[in-house]
């Protein structure tokens, strides 16, 4: 979410399990807030991650908290596990998005290893970001076709901090039927990107963002 020159940036909503303030590489100052218990983005119920020994057998159980999963370590090297709702974040949003000039309303996030900055653009102003970078293809999700492209930027600041010497990959999904409210099924985008070898690593954070560049306007956004 970086641009050269004057930039106006607003970030709202959180799809992160972290409740502590996060380092914002843009310098704007963004605080991560814990999702509400009813939010699709909230950490689900289940068994905490653990590892160790039981009856002489080593076991390792890990969950990222994106779904409900229950693990029971049995006797004599046995175990059972049940899960639901894993790995398919669904973001519901409603916005009064009124830009004049270049601006985006998008699901925005980062992954590490590989280092990726990504946009799922639901609406935009005068500039259509599907022309950015290298075109990859199209796919259908949540009532519209999306255009996929990739951009390589080097070097730029990232969520990992340190010297600006890392290659930064940007993944873009741009909705063809623009809207300012609805549902974004993020797993559809992640799976579509994977078909073009656009892989993601562990997620650092994910938010619903309003970004403006050499523009003016206003936005009121609600996420659930």
Protein backbone atom coordinates (compact mmCIF):
# COMPACT_ATOMS: atom_id res chain seq x y z
CA UNK A 1 0.00 0.00 0.00
CA UNK A 2 2.74 2.38 -1.01
CA UNK A 3 2.78 5.23 -3.47
CA UNK A 4 5.23 7.96 -4.40
CA UNK A 5 4.01 11.45 -3.62
CA UNK A 6 1.10 12.72 -1.60
CA UNK A 7 -1.08 9.92 -0.22
CA UNK A 8 -4.23 9.76 1.84
CA UNK A 9 -4.77 6.45 3.58
CA UNK A 10 -7.50 5.07 5.78
CA UNK A 11 -7.62 1.52 7.09
CA UNK A 12 -10.68 0.02 8.74
CA UNK A 13 -11.65 -3.40 9.98
CA UNK A 14 -9.36 -6.24 10.93
CA UNK A 15 -8.97 -9.87 9.98
CA UNK A 16 -6.17 -10.56 12.38
CA UNK A 17 -6.05 -12.67 15.50
CA UNK A 18 -3.68 -10.12 17.08
CA UNK A 19 -5.11 -7.64 19.55
CA UNK A 20 -1.96 -5.56 19.96
CA UNK A 21 -1.00 -2.49 17.92
CA UNK A 22 0.84 -3.42 14.73
CA UNK A 23 3.75 -1.69 13.08
CA UNK A 24 2.35 0.29 10.16
CA UNK A 25 4.97 0.62 7.39
CA UNK A 26 3.14 3.61 5.92
CA UNK A 27 3.65 5.61 9.10
CA UNK A 28 -0.03 6.52 9.26
CA UNK A 29 -0.62 4.68 12.51
CA UNK A 30 -3.00 1.74 12.46
CA UNK A 31 -4.25 -0.21 15.45
CA UNK A 32 -5.36 -3.81 15.12
CA UNK A 33 -8.54 -4.48 17.06
CA UNK A 34 -9.82 -7.89 18.05
CA UNK A 35 -12.83 -8.97 15.97
CA UNK A 36 -16.10 -9.42 17.80
CA UNK A 37 -17.00 -12.98 18.86
CA UNK A 38 -19.70 -13.19 16.17
CA UNK A 39 -17.39 -11.97 13.40
CA UNK A 40 -16.43 -14.36 10.63
CA UNK A 41 -12.88 -13.17 11.24
CA UNK A 42 -12.80 -13.92 14.95
CA UNK A 43 -10.67 -16.70 16.36
CA UNK A 44 -12.84 -19.82 16.51
CA UNK A 45 -13.46 -22.14 19.44
CA UNK A 46 -11.43 -25.26 19.83
CA UNK A 47 -8.40 -26.96 21.31
CA UNK A 48 -5.24 -24.86 21.77
CA UNK A 49 -2.13 -25.87 19.82
CA UNK A 50 0.21 -28.19 21.71
CA UNK A 51 2.87 -30.85 21.31
CA UNK A 52 4.56 -33.36 23.58
CA UNK A 53 4.49 -37.03 24.53
CA UNK A 54 1.58 -39.29 25.46
CA UNK A 55 2.06 -42.98 26.31
CA UNK A 56 5.54 -42.86 24.80
CA UNK A 57 4.35 -41.35 21.49
CA UNK A 58 5.22 -37.85 20.31
CA UNK A 59 2.31 -35.72 19.09
CA UNK A 60 2.01 -32.26 17.55
CA UNK A 61 -1.26 -30.39 17.12
CA UNK A 62 -1.40 -26.90 15.61
CA UNK A 63 -4.23 -24.58 14.54
CA UNK A 64 -4.11 -21.03 13.18
CA UNK A 65 -7.46 -20.21 14.81
CA UNK A 66 -9.23 -19.59 11.49
CA UNK A 67 -11.71 -22.40 12.09
CA UNK A 68 -13.22 -24.50 14.87
CA UNK A 69 -11.09 -27.57 15.56
CA UNK A 70 -11.11 -30.04 18.46
CA UNK A 71 -8.25 -32.45 19.15
CA UNK A 72 -8.30 -35.32 21.62
CA UNK A 73 -5.11 -37.21 22.38
CA UNK A 74 -6.06 -40.81 23.06
CA UNK A 75 -4.13 -43.69 24.56
CA UNK A 76 -1.63 -46.03 22.94
CA UNK A 77 -0.79 -43.72 20.00
CA UNK A 78 -4.36 -42.83 19.01
CA UNK A 79 -6.04 -39.46 18.56
CA UNK A 80 -9.22 -37.91 17.16
CA UNK A 81 -9.86 -34.55 15.55
CA UNK A 82 -12.94 -32.72 14.26
CA UNK A 83 -12.99 -29.38 12.46
CA UNK A 84 -15.27 -26.97 10.63
CA UNK A 85 -15.11 -23.58 9.00
CA UNK A 86 -11.36 -23.66 8.48
CA UNK A 87 -9.45 -21.50 6.03
CA UNK A 88 -12.31 -19.64 4.37
CA UNK A 89 -12.58 -16.11 5.71
CA UNK A 90 -15.74 -14.37 4.62
CA UNK A 91 -15.79 -10.58 4.90
CA UNK A 92 -19.09 -8.69 4.90
CA UNK A 93 -18.86 -4.95 4.34
CA UNK A 94 -20.92 -1.87 3.60
CA UNK A 95 -19.45 1.49 2.56
CA UNK A 96 -20.39 4.95 1.45
CA UNK A 97 -17.42 5.31 -0.90
CA UNK A 98 -17.25 8.62 -2.79
CA UNK A 99 -13.83 9.28 -4.33
CA UNK A 100 -12.83 12.02 -6.73
CA UNK A 101 -9.72 10.78 -8.48
CA UNK A 102 -7.68 7.66 -7.83
CA UNK A 103 -8.85 5.63 -4.83
CA UNK A 104 -9.47 2.00 -3.89
CA UNK A 105 -11.93 0.17 -1.64
CA UNK A 106 -10.36 -3.22 -1.10
CA UNK A 107 -9.55 -6.16 1.11
CA UNK A 108 -5.87 -5.58 1.80
CA UNK A 109 -3.30 -7.83 3.44
CA UNK A 110 0.21 -9.18 3.74
CA UNK A 111 1.80 -12.59 3.89
CA UNK A 112 5.39 -13.53 4.70
CA UNK A 113 7.60 -16.27 3.27
CA UNK A 114 6.88 -15.36 0.50
CA UNK A 115 6.55 -11.65 1.15
CA UNK A 116 3.33 -10.58 -0.58
CA UNK A 117 1.16 -7.48 -0.42
CA UNK A 118 -2.30 -8.15 -1.87
CA UNK A 119 -5.44 -6.29 -2.87
CA UNK A 120 -8.95 -7.59 -3.54
CA UNK A 121 -10.38 -4.42 -5.08
CA UNK A 122 -14.16 -4.06 -4.81
CA UNK A 123 -14.45 -0.47 -6.00
CA UNK A 124 -12.15 2.25 -7.34
CA UNK A 125 -12.13 5.83 -8.59
CA UNK A 126 -10.81 7.14 -11.89
CA UNK A 127 -7.94 4.66 -12.27
CA UNK A 128 -8.63 0.96 -12.86
CA UNK A 129 -5.79 -0.95 -11.16
CA UNK A 130 -6.29 -4.02 -13.36
CA UNK A 131 -3.83 -2.35 -15.76
CA UNK A 132 -1.06 -2.61 -13.16
CA UNK A 133 1.68 -5.18 -13.64
CA UNK A 134 1.34 -8.44 -15.53
CA UNK A 135 -2.12 -9.74 -16.39
CA UNK A 136 -2.67 -13.36 -15.27
CA UNK A 137 -6.29 -14.21 -15.93
CA UNK A 138 -9.87 -13.92 -14.72
CA UNK A 139 -12.18 -15.87 -12.42
CA UNK A 140 -15.69 -15.59 -10.99
CA UNK A 141 -16.51 -14.99 -7.33
CA UNK A 142 -19.32 -13.43 -5.30
CA UNK A 143 -21.37 -12.29 -8.29
CA UNK A 144 -18.69 -10.83 -10.54
CA UNK A 145 -15.64 -11.58 -12.64
CA UNK A 146 -12.28 -10.50 -11.20
CA UNK A 147 -9.14 -9.64 -13.16
CA UNK A 148 -5.87 -10.98 -11.72
CA UNK A 149 -2.49 -9.28 -12.08
CA UNK A 150 0.90 -9.27 -10.36
CA UNK A 151 3.38 -6.49 -9.73
CA UNK A 152 7.01 -6.75 -8.61
CA UNK A 153 8.32 -3.78 -6.63
CA UNK A 154 11.89 -3.49 -5.39
CA UNK A 155 12.90 -2.24 -2.95
CA UNK A 156 10.07 -0.98 -0.74
CA UNK A 157 9.23 -1.08 2.98
CA UNK A 158 7.38 -4.13 4.22
CA UNK A 159 5.72 -5.53 7.31
CA UNK A 160 8.91 -7.43 8.12
CA UNK A 161 10.86 -4.21 8.74
CA UNK A 162 14.62 -3.93 8.32
CA UNK A 163 16.44 -2.56 5.27
CA UNK A 164 14.44 -2.03 2.09
CA UNK A 165 16.25 -4.71 0.12
CA UNK A 166 13.55 -7.34 -0.29
CA UNK A 167 11.60 -8.10 -3.43
CA UNK A 168 7.97 -7.22 -2.82
CA UNK A 169 5.29 -9.07 -4.78
CA UNK A 170 1.85 -7.54 -5.16
CA UNK A 171 -1.19 -9.67 -6.03
CA UNK A 172 -4.29 -7.94 -7.39
CA UNK A 173 -7.88 -9.13 -7.88
CA UNK A 174 -9.98 -6.33 -9.40
CA UNK A 175 -13.75 -6.70 -9.47
CA UNK A 176 -15.31 -5.96 -12.85
CA UNK A 177 -18.78 -5.13 -11.48
CA UNK A 178 -17.82 -2.53 -8.92
CA UNK A 179 -19.67 -2.28 -5.63
CA UNK A 180 -19.41 -0.67 -2.20
CA UNK A 181 -21.13 -3.38 -0.16
CA UNK A 182 -21.35 -7.16 -0.19
CA UNK A 183 -19.43 -10.27 0.73
CA UNK A 184 -15.86 -11.21 -0.18
CA UNK A 185 -14.98 -14.90 0.00
CA UNK A 186 -11.22 -14.63 0.36
CA UNK A 187 -10.54 -18.33 -0.20
CA UNK A 188 -11.83 -18.00 -3.78
CA UNK A 189 -9.14 -15.42 -4.49
CA UNK A 190 -6.37 -17.36 -2.78
CA UNK A 191 -7.28 -20.50 -4.78
CA UNK A 192 -7.49 -18.56 -8.05
CA UNK A 193 -4.07 -16.98 -7.44
CA UNK A 194 -2.59 -20.38 -6.73
CA UNK A 195 -3.53 -21.53 -10.25
CA UNK A 196 -1.14 -18.89 -11.58
CA UNK A 197 1.66 -19.84 -9.15
CA UNK A 198 0.81 -16.81 -7.02
CA UNK A 199 1.40 -18.41 -3.64
CA UNK A 200 0.91 -16.93 -0.19
CA UNK A 201 2.77 -17.64 3.02
CA UNK A 202 1.61 -17.23 6.62
CA UNK A 203 -0.75 -14.26 6.94
CA UNK A 204 0.54 -11.21 8.77
CA UNK A 205 -2.68 -9.20 8.79
CA UNK A 206 -5.75 -8.48 6.69
CA UNK A 207 -8.03 -5.43 6.73
CA UNK A 208 -10.67 -3.63 4.69
CA UNK A 209 -8.90 -0.54 3.35
CA UNK A 210 -9.73 2.77 1.74
CA UNK A 211 -6.72 4.16 -0.11
CA UNK A 212 -6.48 7.43 -2.00
CA UNK A 213 -3.67 8.73 -4.21
CA UNK A 214 -3.62 12.31 -5.55
CA UNK A 215 -7.36 12.45 -4.98
CA UNK A 216 -10.08 13.63 -2.64
CA UNK A 217 -13.29 12.10 -1.34
CA UNK A 218 -14.89 10.45 1.65
CA UNK A 219 -15.80 7.00 2.92
CA UNK A 220 -17.83 5.54 5.78
CA UNK A 221 -17.19 1.83 6.16
CA UNK A 222 -18.64 -0.97 8.29
CA UNK A 223 -17.16 -4.47 8.44
CA UNK A 224 -18.60 -7.61 10.02
